[in-house]
Amino acid sequence: MSESSKDWTKELRSISWNDKEAKYDIRDWSEDYERMGKGITLSKEEIVALRDFLNGLEL
């Protein structure tokens, strides 16, 4: 999605933990993916609601 001046990238990823249904995760990652920043995790229903909201905006 974007890159910071410290070579960290903000990414949207689909992540599944412990064999559970995948969730959508938006957060900053270090270049080597060893560290991550604070972020937000959304269920499928939440990401669909966010998509619908964003589609309704005039940008």
PDB file of N, CA and C in Angstrom:
ATOM      1  N   MET A   1       0.828  -1.190   0.000  1.00  0.00           N
ATOM      2  CA  MET A   1       0.000   0.000   0.000  1.00  0.00           C
ATOM      3  C   MET A   1       0.873   1.254   0.000  1.00  0.00           C
ATOM      4  N   SER A   2       1.931   1.249   0.834  1.00  0.00           N
ATOM      5  CA  SER A   2       2.838   2.395   0.872  1.00  0.00           C
ATOM      6  C   SER A   2       4.142   1.979   1.545  1.00  0.00           C
ATOM      7  N   GLU A   3       5.135   2.876   1.445  1.00  0.00           N
ATOM      8  CA  GLU A   3       6.430   2.615   2.067  1.00  0.00           C
ATOM      9  C   GLU A   3       6.851   3.852   2.840  1.00  0.00           C
ATOM     10  N   SER A   4       7.398   3.637   4.041  1.00  0.00           N
ATOM     11  CA  SER A   4       7.832   4.762   4.875  1.00  0.00           C
ATOM     12  C   SER A   4       9.293   5.079   4.601  1.00  0.00           C
ATOM     13  N   SER A   5       9.764   6.168   5.185  1.00  0.00           N
ATOM     14  CA  SER A   5      11.161   6.569   5.012  1.00  0.00           C
ATOM     15  C   SER A   5      12.124   5.594   5.693  1.00  0.00           C
ATOM     16  N   LYS A   6      11.613   4.731   6.565  1.00  0.00           N
ATOM     17  CA  LYS A   6      12.450   3.745   7.268  1.00  0.00           C
ATOM     18  C   LYS A   6      12.416   2.381   6.581  1.00  0.00           C
ATOM     19  N   ASP A   7      11.957   2.339   5.318  1.00  0.00           N
ATOM     20  CA  ASP A   7      11.857   1.101   4.533  1.00  0.00           C
ATOM     21  C   ASP A   7      10.860   0.092   5.090  1.00  0.00           C
ATOM     22  N   TRP A   8       9.927   0.555   5.884  1.00  0.00           N
ATOM     23  CA  TRP A   8       8.822  -0.306   6.325  1.00  0.00           C
ATOM     24  C   TRP A   8       7.717  -0.138   5.290  1.00  0.00           C
ATOM     25  N   THR A   9       6.948  -1.200   5.075  1.00  0.00           N
ATOM     26  CA  THR A   9       5.851  -1.121   4.119  1.00  0.00           C
ATOM     27  C   THR A   9       4.528  -1.391   4.818  1.00  0.00           C
ATOM     28  N   LYS A  10       3.509  -0.643   4.424  1.00  0.00           N
ATOM     29  CA  LYS A  10       2.155  -0.882   4.927  1.00  0.00           C
ATOM     30  C   LYS A  10       1.508  -1.855   3.948  1.00  0.00           C
ATOM     31  N   GLU A  11       1.007  -2.971   4.467  1.00  0.00           N
ATOM     32  CA  GLU A  11       0.478  -4.020   3.610  1.00  0.00           C
ATOM     33  C   GLU A  11      -0.878  -4.509   4.087  1.00  0.00           C
ATOM     34  N   LEU A  12      -1.683  -4.912   3.123  1.00  0.00           N
ATOM     35  CA  LEU A  12      -2.942  -5.601   3.392  1.00  0.00           C
ATOM     36  C   LEU A  12      -2.690  -7.066   3.098  1.00  0.00           C
ATOM     37  N   ARG A  13      -2.892  -7.919   4.099  1.00  0.00           N
ATOM     38  CA  ARG A  13      -2.634  -9.345   3.943  1.00  0.00           C
ATOM     39  C   ARG A  13      -3.823 -10.150   4.442  1.00  0.00           C
ATOM     40  N   SER A  14      -3.976 -11.320   3.860  1.00  0.00           N
ATOM     41  CA  SER A  14      -4.945 -12.291   4.347  1.00  0.00           C
ATOM     42  C   SER A  14      -4.156 -13.276   5.206  1.00  0.00           C
ATOM     43  N   ILE A  15      -4.521 -13.372   6.490  1.00  0.00           N
ATOM     44  CA  ILE A  15      -3.753 -14.182   7.428  1.00  0.00           C
ATOM     45  C   ILE A  15      -4.675 -15.140   8.168  1.00  0.00           C
ATOM     46  N   SER A  16      -4.225 -16.379   8.295  1.00  0.00           N
ATOM     47  CA  SER A  16      -4.958 -17.390   9.052  1.00  0.00           C
ATOM     48  C   SER A  16      -4.062 -17.886  10.178  1.00  0.00           C
ATOM     49  N   TRP A  17      -4.570 -17.847  11.390  1.00  0.00           N
ATOM     50  CA  TRP A  17      -3.822 -18.315  12.556  1.00  0.00           C
ATOM     51  C   TRP A  17      -4.507 -19.548  13.122  1.00  0.00           C
ATOM     52  N   ASN A  18      -3.714 -20.552  13.462  1.00  0.00           N
ATOM     53  CA  ASN A  18      -4.218 -21.765  14.131  1.00  0.00           C
ATOM     54  C   ASN A  18      -5.356 -22.443  13.365  1.00  0.00           C
ATOM     55  N   ASP A  19      -5.213 -22.542  12.052  1.00  0.00           N
ATOM     56  CA  ASP A  19      -6.192 -23.221  11.193  1.00  0.00           C
ATOM     57  C   ASP A  19      -7.597 -22.627  11.272  1.00  0.00           C
ATOM     58  N   LYS A  20      -7.697 -21.358  11.658  1.00  0.00           N
ATOM     59  CA  LYS A  20      -8.991 -20.683  11.698  1.00  0.00           C
ATOM     60  C   LYS A  20      -9.205 -19.934  10.386  1.00  0.00           C
ATOM     61  N   GLU A  21     -10.426 -19.454  10.172  1.00  0.00           N
ATOM     62  CA  GLU A  21     -10.746 -18.703   8.961  1.00  0.00           C
ATOM     63  C   GLU A  21      -9.827 -17.495   8.834  1.00  0.00           C
ATOM     64  N   ALA A  22      -9.382 -17.237   7.626  1.00  0.00           N
ATOM     65  CA  ALA A  22      -8.465 -16.120   7.381  1.00  0.00           C
ATOM     66  C   ALA A  22      -9.141 -14.793   7.707  1.00  0.00           C
ATOM     67  N   LYS A  23      -8.342 -13.858   8.203  1.00  0.00           N
ATOM     68  CA  LYS A  23      -8.794 -12.493   8.456  1.00  0.00           C
ATOM     69  C   LYS A  23      -7.906 -11.568   7.650  1.00  0.00           C
ATOM     70  N   TYR A  24      -8.325 -10.320   7.519  1.00  0.00           N
ATOM     71  CA  TYR A  24      -7.580  -9.339   6.749  1.00  0.00           C
ATOM     72  C   TYR A  24      -6.859  -8.411   7.712  1.00  0.00           C
ATOM     73  N   ASP A  25      -5.590  -8.192   7.442  1.00  0.00           N
ATOM     74  CA  ASP A  25      -4.712  -7.491   8.358  1.00  0.00           C
ATOM     75  C   ASP A  25      -4.040  -6.339   7.613  1.00  0.00           C
ATOM     76  N   ILE A  26      -4.126  -5.129   8.175  1.00  0.00           N
ATOM     77  CA  ILE A  26      -3.441  -3.961   7.615  1.00  0.00           C
ATOM     78  C   ILE A  26      -2.462  -3.481   8.679  1.00  0.00           C
ATOM     79  N   ARG A  27      -1.165  -3.502   8.350  1.00  0.00           N
ATOM     80  CA  ARG A  27      -0.148  -3.030   9.293  1.00  0.00           C
ATOM     81  C   ARG A  27       1.168  -2.784   8.589  1.00  0.00           C
ATOM     82  N   ASP A  28       2.100  -2.143   9.296  1.00  0.00           N
ATOM     83  CA  ASP A  28       3.445  -1.894   8.786  1.00  0.00           C
ATOM     84  C   ASP A  28       4.345  -3.082   9.090  1.00  0.00           C
ATOM     85  N   TRP A  29       5.206  -3.413   8.116  1.00  0.00           N
ATOM     86  CA  TRP A  29       6.158  -4.508   8.263  1.00  0.00           C
ATOM     87  C   TRP A  29       7.560  -4.000   7.972  1.00  0.00           C
ATOM     88  N   SER A  30       8.530  -4.500   8.738  1.00  0.00           N
ATOM     89  CA  SER A  30       9.920  -4.165   8.460  1.00  0.00           C
ATOM     90  C   SER A  30      10.340  -4.824   7.158  1.00  0.00           C
ATOM     91  N   GLU A  31      11.449  -4.362   6.603  1.00  0.00           N
ATOM     92  CA  GLU A  31      11.924  -4.859   5.311  1.00  0.00           C
ATOM     93  C   GLU A  31      12.147  -6.375   5.319  1.00  0.00           C
ATOM     94  N   ASP A  32      12.617  -6.916   6.452  1.00  0.00           N
ATOM     95  CA  ASP A  32      12.899  -8.358   6.548  1.00  0.00           C
ATOM     96  C   ASP A  32      11.732  -9.158   7.133  1.00  0.00           C
ATOM     97  N   TYR A  33      10.614  -8.502   7.388  1.00  0.00           N
ATOM     98  CA  TYR A  33       9.405  -9.120   7.951  1.00  0.00           C
ATOM     99  C   TYR A  33       9.640  -9.733   9.334  1.00  0.00           C
ATOM    100  N   GLU A  34      10.683  -9.293  10.017  1.00  0.00           N
ATOM    101  CA  GLU A  34      10.954  -9.771  11.373  1.00  0.00           C
ATOM    102  C   GLU A  34      10.172  -8.968  12.409  1.00  0.00           C
ATOM    103  N   ARG A  35       9.807  -7.726  12.072  1.00  0.00           N
ATOM    104  CA  ARG A  35       9.086  -6.864  13.006  1.00  0.00           C
ATOM    105  C   ARG A  35       7.848  -6.290  12.322  1.00  0.00           C
ATOM    106  N   MET A  36       6.853  -6.006  13.144  1.00  0.00           N
ATOM    107  CA  MET A  36       5.635  -5.400  12.617  1.00  0.00           C
ATOM    108  C   MET A  36       5.165  -4.305  13.545  1.00  0.00           C
ATOM    109  N   GLY A  37       4.458  -3.346  12.974  1.00  0.00           N
ATOM    110  CA  GLY A  37       3.896  -2.250  13.746  1.00  0.00           C
ATOM    111  C   GLY A  37       2.469  -2.555  14.153  1.00  0.00           C
ATOM    112  N   LYS A  38       1.875  -1.613  14.842  1.00  0.00           N
ATOM    113  CA  LYS A  38       0.465  -1.755  15.207  1.00  0.00           C
ATOM    114  C   LYS A  38      -0.373  -1.721  13.948  1.00  0.00           C
ATOM    115  N   GLY A  39      -1.472  -2.415  13.986  1.00  0.00           N
ATOM    116  CA  GLY A  39      -2.320  -2.457  12.811  1.00  0.00           C
ATOM    117  C   GLY A  39      -3.750  -2.756  13.190  1.00  0.00           C
ATOM    118  N   ILE A  40      -4.505  -3.200  12.208  1.00  0.00           N
ATOM    119  CA  ILE A  40      -5.913  -3.519  12.403  1.00  0.00           C
ATOM    120  C   ILE A  40      -6.197  -4.834  11.698  1.00  0.00           C
ATOM    121  N   THR A  41      -6.994  -5.670  12.333  1.00  0.00           N
ATOM    122  CA  THR A  41      -7.407  -6.947  11.769  1.00  0.00           C
ATOM    123  C   THR A  41      -8.913  -6.920  11.575  1.00  0.00           C
ATOM    124  N   LEU A  42      -9.354  -7.306  10.376  1.00  0.00           N
ATOM    125  CA  LEU A  42     -10.770  -7.250  10.033  1.00  0.00           C
ATOM    126  C   LEU A  42     -11.258  -8.622   9.581  1.00  0.00           C
ATOM    127  N   SER A  43     -12.476  -8.950   9.961  1.00  0.00           N
ATOM    128  CA  SER A  43     -13.110 -10.177   9.473  1.00  0.00           C
ATOM    129  C   SER A  43     -13.559  -9.943   8.026  1.00  0.00           C
ATOM    130  N   LYS A  44     -14.016 -10.993   7.368  1.00  0.00           N
ATOM    131  CA  LYS A  44     -14.519 -10.860   6.002  1.00  0.00           C
ATOM    132  C   LYS A  44     -15.684  -9.877   5.957  1.00  0.00           C
ATOM    133  N   GLU A  45     -16.579  -9.966   6.916  1.00  0.00           N
ATOM    134  CA  GLU A  45     -17.735  -9.072   6.957  1.00  0.00           C
ATOM    135  C   GLU A  45     -17.298  -7.619   7.136  1.00  0.00           C
ATOM    136  N   GLU A  46     -16.298  -7.395   7.981  1.00  0.00           N
ATOM    137  CA  GLU A  46     -15.816  -6.036   8.220  1.00  0.00           C
ATOM    138  C   GLU A  46     -15.108  -5.466   6.995  1.00  0.00           C
ATOM    139  N   ILE A  47     -14.318  -6.284   6.288  1.00  0.00           N
ATOM    140  CA  ILE A  47     -13.611  -5.780   5.105  1.00  0.00           C
ATOM    141  C   ILE A  47     -14.608  -5.481   3.984  1.00  0.00           C
ATOM    142  N   VAL A  48     -15.681  -6.275   3.896  1.00  0.00           N
ATOM    143  CA  VAL A  48     -16.729  -6.004   2.900  1.00  0.00           C
ATOM    144  C   VAL A  48     -17.427  -4.688   3.232  1.00  0.00           C
ATOM    145  N   ALA A  49     -17.727  -4.458   4.508  1.00  0.00           N
ATOM    146  CA  ALA A  49     -18.363  -3.199   4.920  1.00  0.00           C
ATOM    147  C   ALA A  49     -17.439  -2.014   4.634  1.00  0.00           C
ATOM    148  N   LEU A  50     -16.144  -2.170   4.885  1.00  0.00           N
ATOM    149  CA  LEU A  50     -15.177  -1.115   4.592  1.00  0.00           C
ATOM    150  C   LEU A  50     -15.110  -0.848   3.094  1.00  0.00           C
ATOM    151  N   ARG A  51     -15.079  -1.902   2.282  1.00  0.00           N
ATOM    152  CA  ARG A  51     -15.066  -1.749   0.826  1.00  0.00           C
ATOM    153  C   ARG A  51     -16.296  -0.988   0.359  1.00  0.00           C
ATOM    154  N   ASP A  52     -17.464  -1.372   0.862  1.00  0.00           N
ATOM    155  CA  ASP A  52     -18.690  -0.705   0.459  1.00  0.00           C
ATOM    156  C   ASP A  52     -18.686   0.769   0.843  1.00  0.00           C
ATOM    157  N   PHE A  53     -18.179   1.061   2.037  1.00  0.00           N
ATOM    158  CA  PHE A  53     -18.079   2.448   2.481  1.00  0.00           C
ATOM    159  C   PHE A  53     -17.150   3.245   1.574  1.00  0.00           C
ATOM    160  N   LEU A  54     -15.970   2.691   1.278  1.00  0.00           N
ATOM    161  CA  LEU A  54     -15.004   3.386   0.435  1.00  0.00           C
ATOM    162  C   LEU A  54     -15.516   3.571  -0.988  1.00  0.00           C
ATOM    163  N   ASN A  55     -16.247   2.603  -1.511  1.00  0.00           N
ATOM    164  CA  ASN A  55     -16.822   2.723  -2.849  1.00  0.00           C
ATOM    165  C   ASN A  55     -17.836   3.856  -2.930  1.00  0.00           C
ATOM    166  N   GLY A  56     -18.449   4.194  -1.807  1.00  0.00           N
ATOM    167  CA  GLY A  56     -19.440   5.260  -1.775  1.00  0.00           C
ATOM    168  C   GLY A  56     -18.847   6.656  -1.656  1.00  0.00           C
ATOM    169  N   LEU A  57     -17.551   6.760  -1.409  1.00  0.00           N
ATOM    170  CA  LEU A  57     -16.905   8.060  -1.270  1.00  0.00           C
ATOM    171  C   LEU A  57     -16.559   8.660  -2.626  1.00  0.00           C
ATOM    172  N   GLU A  58     -16.660   9.968  -2.721  1.00  0.00           N
ATOM    173  CA  GLU A  58     -16.172  10.656  -3.916  1.00  0.00           C
ATOM    174  C   GLU A  58     -14.756  11.102  -3.641  1.00  0.00           C
ATOM    175  N   LEU A  59     -13.820  10.444  -4.279  1.00  0.00           N
ATOM    176  CA  LEU A  59     -12.398  10.769  -4.050  1.00  0.00           C
ATOM    177  C   LEU A  59     -11.803  11.485  -5.240  1.00  0.00           C
TER     178      LEU A  59
END
